[in-house]
Protein backbone atom coordinates (compact mmCIF):
# COMPACT_ATOMS: atom_id res chain seq x y z
CA MET A 1 111.83 162.86 -55.15
CA ILE A 2 111.89 159.28 -56.46
CA LEU A 3 115.66 159.09 -56.10
CA THR A 4 115.46 160.34 -52.52
CA ALA A 5 112.95 157.63 -51.64
CA PHE A 6 115.09 155.00 -53.32
CA LEU A 7 118.19 156.03 -51.42
CA ALA A 8 116.28 156.00 -48.17
CA LEU A 9 115.30 152.41 -48.91
CA ALA A 10 118.93 151.51 -49.51
CA ALA A 11 120.29 153.56 -46.60
CA PRO A 12 121.51 150.67 -44.39
CA SER A 13 123.52 149.23 -47.27
CA LEU A 14 124.85 152.61 -48.33
CA ALA A 15 126.07 153.35 -44.83
CA CYS A 16 127.85 150.02 -44.86
CA ALA A 17 129.39 150.74 -48.26
CA GLN A 18 130.97 154.01 -47.22
CA THR A 19 133.78 152.02 -45.62
CA ILE A 20 134.07 149.51 -48.45
CA ALA A 21 137.76 150.23 -48.91
CA ALA A 22 138.39 148.72 -45.48
CA GLY A 23 137.40 145.26 -46.75
CA PRO A 24 134.39 143.21 -47.80
CA GLN A 25 131.17 144.35 -46.20
CA ILE A 26 128.91 141.70 -44.70
CA PRO A 27 125.20 141.96 -45.55
CA VAL A 28 123.21 142.13 -42.32
CA LEU A 29 119.51 141.68 -43.07
CA TRP A 30 118.44 141.13 -39.48
CA ASP A 31 118.06 143.40 -36.51
CA THR A 32 120.93 142.15 -34.36
CA LYS A 33 119.12 143.31 -31.22
CA GLU A 34 116.06 141.20 -32.01
CA ARG A 35 115.72 137.89 -30.22
CA LEU A 36 113.36 135.28 -31.58
CA PRO A 37 112.07 132.35 -29.50
CA LYS A 38 113.69 129.00 -30.22
CA PRO A 39 111.07 126.41 -31.22
CA ASP A 40 111.35 122.91 -29.80
CA LEU A 41 112.20 120.44 -32.58
CA SER A 42 112.92 117.48 -30.31
CA ALA A 43 109.97 115.53 -31.75
CA LEU A 44 111.09 116.11 -35.33
CA PRO A 45 112.17 112.75 -36.78
CA ARG A 46 114.16 114.25 -39.65
CA LEU A 47 115.15 117.58 -41.16
CA ARG A 48 115.92 117.13 -44.84
CA PHE A 49 116.87 120.06 -47.04
CA LEU A 50 116.25 119.70 -50.77
CA THR A 51 118.65 121.45 -53.15
CA THR A 52 120.25 121.17 -56.59
CA THR A 53 123.77 120.58 -57.86
CA ASP A 54 124.10 123.09 -60.69
CA PHE A 55 124.07 126.52 -59.08
CA PRO A 56 127.66 127.33 -58.02
CA PRO A 57 128.77 128.71 -55.64
CA PHE A 58 125.48 127.97 -53.87
CA ASN A 59 125.19 124.24 -54.63
CA PHE A 60 127.58 122.12 -56.67
CA PHE A 61 129.76 119.01 -56.63
CA ASP A 62 133.36 119.75 -55.74
CA ASP A 63 136.39 118.14 -57.43
CA GLN A 64 136.04 115.13 -55.14
CA GLY A 65 132.37 114.61 -56.00
CA ARG A 66 131.05 115.96 -52.70
CA LEU A 67 127.96 118.13 -52.53
CA SER A 68 129.23 121.56 -51.58
CA GLY A 69 128.39 125.24 -51.64
CA PHE A 70 127.02 128.14 -49.67
CA HIS A 71 123.57 126.58 -49.33
CA ILE A 72 125.02 123.29 -48.14
CA ASP A 73 127.05 124.93 -45.40
CA LEU A 74 124.14 127.21 -44.52
CA ALA A 75 121.84 124.21 -44.02
CA ARG A 76 124.42 122.54 -41.79
CA ALA A 77 124.85 125.72 -39.76
CA ILE A 78 121.08 125.94 -39.28
CA CYS A 79 120.91 122.33 -38.13
CA ALA A 80 123.74 122.90 -35.67
CA GLU A 81 122.04 126.01 -34.27
CA LEU A 82 118.79 124.08 -33.82
CA ASP A 83 120.56 121.16 -32.13
CA VAL A 84 119.32 118.70 -34.74
CA ALA A 85 122.58 117.98 -36.57
CA GLU A 86 122.10 114.23 -36.10
CA LYS A 87 118.72 114.46 -37.86
CA CYS A 88 119.93 116.75 -40.62
CA GLN A 89 120.02 115.56 -44.23
CA ILE A 90 120.66 117.30 -47.54
CA GLN A 91 119.40 115.79 -50.78
CA ALA A 92 120.20 117.07 -54.26
CA LEU A 93 117.62 116.74 -57.02
CA PRO A 94 117.05 118.23 -60.46
CA TRP A 95 115.40 121.65 -60.13
CA LYS A 96 112.12 120.53 -61.68
CA GLU A 97 111.74 117.77 -59.06
CA LEU A 98 112.12 119.96 -55.95
CA ASP A 99 108.50 121.06 -55.72
CA GLY A 100 107.09 117.56 -56.10
CA ALA A 101 109.53 116.16 -53.54
CA LEU A 102 108.54 118.78 -50.96
CA ARG A 103 104.83 118.20 -51.57
CA ALA A 104 105.31 114.42 -51.26
CA GLY A 105 107.03 114.80 -47.89
CA GLU A 106 110.43 113.68 -49.21
CA GLY A 107 111.96 116.75 -47.61
CA GLU A 108 111.09 119.47 -45.15
CA ALA A 109 112.53 122.51 -46.92
CA ILE A 110 113.99 123.77 -50.19
CA VAL A 111 117.21 125.75 -50.08
CA ALA A 112 117.99 126.37 -53.72
CA GLY A 113 117.20 129.98 -54.58
CA THR A 114 113.45 129.61 -55.09
CA ALA A 115 112.19 133.05 -56.14
CA VAL A 116 110.01 134.76 -53.56
CA THR A 117 107.07 136.12 -55.55
CA ALA A 118 103.36 136.57 -55.08
CA ALA A 119 102.83 133.40 -57.10
CA SER A 120 105.36 131.28 -55.18
CA ARG A 121 103.86 132.43 -51.87
CA GLU A 122 100.70 130.63 -52.92
CA ASP A 123 102.65 127.36 -52.80
CA TYR A 124 105.25 127.88 -50.07
CA ALA A 125 105.94 129.63 -46.80
CA PHE A 126 109.26 131.48 -46.85
CA THR A 127 111.70 132.50 -44.18
CA ARG A 128 112.86 136.07 -44.05
CA PRO A 129 115.50 136.67 -46.75
CA TYR A 130 119.01 135.61 -45.77
CA LEU A 131 120.69 137.12 -48.83
CA GLN A 132 119.70 139.89 -51.22
CA PHE A 133 121.31 140.85 -54.49
CA PRO A 134 122.00 144.56 -54.76
CA ALA A 135 122.59 146.41 -57.97
CA ARG A 136 126.10 147.85 -58.22
CA PHE A 137 128.23 150.07 -60.41
CA ILE A 138 131.70 149.02 -61.49
CA MET A 139 134.25 151.39 -62.99
CA PRO A 140 137.92 151.35 -64.05
CA LYS A 141 140.10 151.56 -60.95
CA ALA A 142 141.71 154.82 -62.06
CA THR A 143 138.39 156.64 -62.36
CA ALA A 144 136.14 154.89 -59.82
CA VAL A 145 134.15 157.27 -57.64
CA ALA A 146 132.49 157.06 -54.24
CA GLU A 147 129.07 158.11 -53.01
CA PRO A 148 127.16 160.28 -53.76
CA ILE A 149 127.58 158.50 -57.06
CA TRP A 150 124.39 159.86 -58.65
CA GLU A 151 126.02 163.31 -58.69
CA LYS A 152 129.37 162.16 -60.05
CA LEU A 153 127.92 160.09 -62.90
CA GLN A 154 125.76 162.85 -64.39
CA GLY A 155 126.32 162.90 -68.13
CA LYS A 156 128.52 159.77 -68.01
CA ARG A 157 128.05 156.79 -70.30
CA VAL A 158 126.83 153.82 -68.23
CA GLY A 159 126.47 150.39 -69.76
CA VAL A 160 123.84 147.90 -68.70
CA LEU A 161 122.36 144.65 -69.99
CA GLY A 162 119.63 145.66 -72.40
CA ALA A 163 115.96 144.90 -71.65
CA SER A 164 116.84 143.89 -68.09
CA ALA A 165 115.46 144.88 -64.70
CA HIS A 166 118.74 146.69 -64.13
CA GLU A 167 118.23 148.79 -67.25
CA ARG A 168 114.78 149.82 -65.99
CA MET A 169 116.23 150.58 -62.59
CA LEU A 170 119.08 152.63 -64.06
CA ARG A 171 116.74 154.69 -66.22
CA ASP A 172 114.30 155.29 -63.38
CA TYR A 173 116.77 156.28 -60.68
CA PHE A 174 119.75 157.65 -62.57
CA ASP A 175 118.07 159.60 -65.36
CA ALA A 176 121.02 162.02 -65.67
CA VAL A 177 123.36 159.33 -67.06
CA LYS A 178 123.64 158.26 -70.68
CA VAL A 179 122.32 154.70 -70.69
CA ILE A 180 124.12 152.38 -73.14
CA PRO A 181 122.35 148.98 -73.44
CA TYR A 182 124.41 145.92 -74.35
CA PRO A 183 123.07 142.61 -75.70
CA SER A 184 125.16 140.37 -73.42
CA PRO A 185 127.27 140.55 -70.26
CA GLU A 186 130.40 139.74 -72.27
CA LYS A 187 129.91 142.72 -74.58
CA LEU A 188 129.15 144.92 -71.58
CA TYR A 189 132.42 143.95 -69.92
CA ASP A 190 134.36 144.38 -73.18
CA GLY A 191 132.87 147.85 -73.59
CA LEU A 192 133.99 148.82 -70.10
CA LYS A 193 137.51 147.51 -70.61
CA ALA A 194 137.78 149.26 -73.97
CA GLY A 195 136.76 152.61 -72.49
CA ASN A 196 133.57 152.86 -74.54
CA ILE A 197 131.60 153.45 -71.33
CA ASP A 198 132.52 155.10 -68.04
CA ALA A 199 130.78 152.57 -65.83
CA ALA A 200 128.70 149.39 -65.91
CA PHE A 201 125.58 148.75 -63.82
CA GLY A 202 124.14 145.37 -62.97
CA ASP A 203 123.74 142.53 -60.50
CA GLY A 204 126.35 142.86 -57.79
CA LEU A 205 126.85 139.10 -57.45
CA ARG A 206 127.55 138.55 -61.13
CA LEU A 207 129.75 141.63 -61.29
CA SER A 208 131.78 140.36 -58.32
CA PHE A 209 132.43 137.06 -60.13
CA TRP A 210 133.65 138.93 -63.21
CA LEU A 211 135.89 141.23 -61.14
CA ALA A 212 137.51 138.14 -59.60
CA SER A 213 137.95 136.38 -62.95
CA PRO A 214 140.99 136.49 -65.27
CA GLU A 215 138.73 138.00 -67.95
CA SER A 216 138.58 141.29 -66.05
CA ASP A 217 142.36 141.77 -66.25
CA ASP A 218 142.07 143.39 -62.81
CA CYS A 219 140.83 146.50 -64.58
CA CYS A 220 137.96 147.57 -62.41
CA ARG A 221 136.30 147.68 -59.02
CA PHE A 222 132.98 148.47 -57.43
CA ALA A 223 132.10 152.16 -57.31
CA GLY A 224 129.68 153.62 -54.81
CA GLY A 225 127.46 151.48 -52.65
CA PRO A 226 124.94 148.67 -53.06
CA TYR A 227 121.38 149.49 -54.16
CA LEU A 228 118.55 147.34 -52.86
CA ALA A 229 115.30 147.66 -54.77
CA PRO A 230 113.06 144.57 -54.39
CA ASP A 231 110.55 145.85 -56.96
CA TYR A 232 113.30 145.58 -59.58
CA VAL A 233 115.72 142.88 -58.42
CA GLY A 234 113.51 140.68 -56.24
CA ALA A 235 113.21 140.01 -52.53
CA GLY A 236 116.34 137.88 -52.29
CA MET A 237 116.96 134.31 -51.19
CA ALA A 238 114.85 132.55 -48.57
CA ILE A 239 114.23 128.98 -47.45
CA ALA A 240 110.93 127.52 -48.65
CA THR A 241 108.76 125.17 -46.59
CA ARG A 242 105.25 123.79 -46.87
CA LYS A 243 102.71 126.43 -45.87
CA GLN A 244 101.48 124.42 -42.89
CA ASP A 245 104.95 124.00 -41.32
CA ASP A 246 104.71 127.00 -38.99
CA VAL A 247 107.00 125.63 -36.28
CA LEU A 248 109.69 124.70 -38.76
CA LEU A 249 109.48 128.11 -40.42
CA ALA A 250 109.88 129.81 -37.04
CA ALA A 251 112.85 127.55 -36.28
CA PHE A 252 114.59 128.53 -39.51
CA ASN A 253 114.05 132.21 -38.82
CA TYR A 254 115.43 131.74 -35.31
CA ALA A 255 118.51 129.94 -36.62
CA LEU A 256 119.17 132.49 -39.37
CA GLN A 257 118.98 135.28 -36.81
CA GLU A 258 121.34 133.51 -34.42
CA ILE A 259 124.01 132.64 -37.00
CA THR A 260 123.93 136.26 -38.14
CA VAL A 261 124.53 137.51 -34.61
CA ASP A 262 127.31 135.03 -33.77
CA GLY A 263 129.26 135.62 -37.01
CA THR A 264 128.67 132.25 -38.65
CA PHE A 265 126.81 133.79 -41.58
CA ALA A 266 129.63 136.30 -42.13
CA GLU A 267 132.14 133.45 -42.23
CA LEU A 268 130.10 131.61 -44.88
CA TYR A 269 129.66 134.78 -46.93
CA LEU A 270 133.39 135.51 -46.99
CA ARG A 271 134.19 131.87 -47.78
CA TYR A 272 132.09 131.80 -50.95
CA PHE A 273 132.16 135.47 -51.99
CA PRO A 274 135.71 136.71 -51.48
CA ILE A 275 134.93 139.85 -53.48
CA GLY A 276 131.87 140.89 -51.51
CA PHE A 277 129.04 142.32 -53.58
CA TYR A 278 127.98 144.68 -50.79
């Protein structure tokens, strides 16, 4: 019963994942038929996004010292969609200074992966999520299976980072597998490569980085589809604004919707995540 409810929650992503062999799947978190009104920002004197520099591939300095990353290009795409590119600024600060800078009016929004929680909603208003982080299975290429994966993994040894949200999720929703906790991601990956486990379960984003790295020895690939479970892995990434900035919040939601519909978001996703985690 619980598993059925969980799969129903993840159904849009699972449907997308059934054709994963055809290429990277683009996460679509918006109803593409929905049309939001475009707020008028003509009176806005400035639109400054606050971010950090130490969260690649989202925000970082490239080899020429330029601020780069998914969040940087996303902010620019939003400004272009809102016709305020000439007023658009992006400022990088240490993480601990972002909140104070927003409160002091030194910026209009934070785009840096601020967690959307009940506590953070007391301080900020958030856009709808523009990116969520599904849980995924990876398996050796020779033995990787497709959905319905919960049937095919019964009795199999599945590694997961011990004492993590993903371990709780694995035990709750895949109680027919043999859960093997590991103390670190490195030991988890080594266990998979050595054949000590049949599969590994964890954060799709981090797993995609490992699959693309030399350390994986091109041993493995994603198996089955993405699993979205906000109660375990969070609500995803959203832009944070001051709670009173209703017009600006609506403008961001409008822009995020529009760049999803016109393909701009897909282009950014494929640019920074060549091994898609959906």
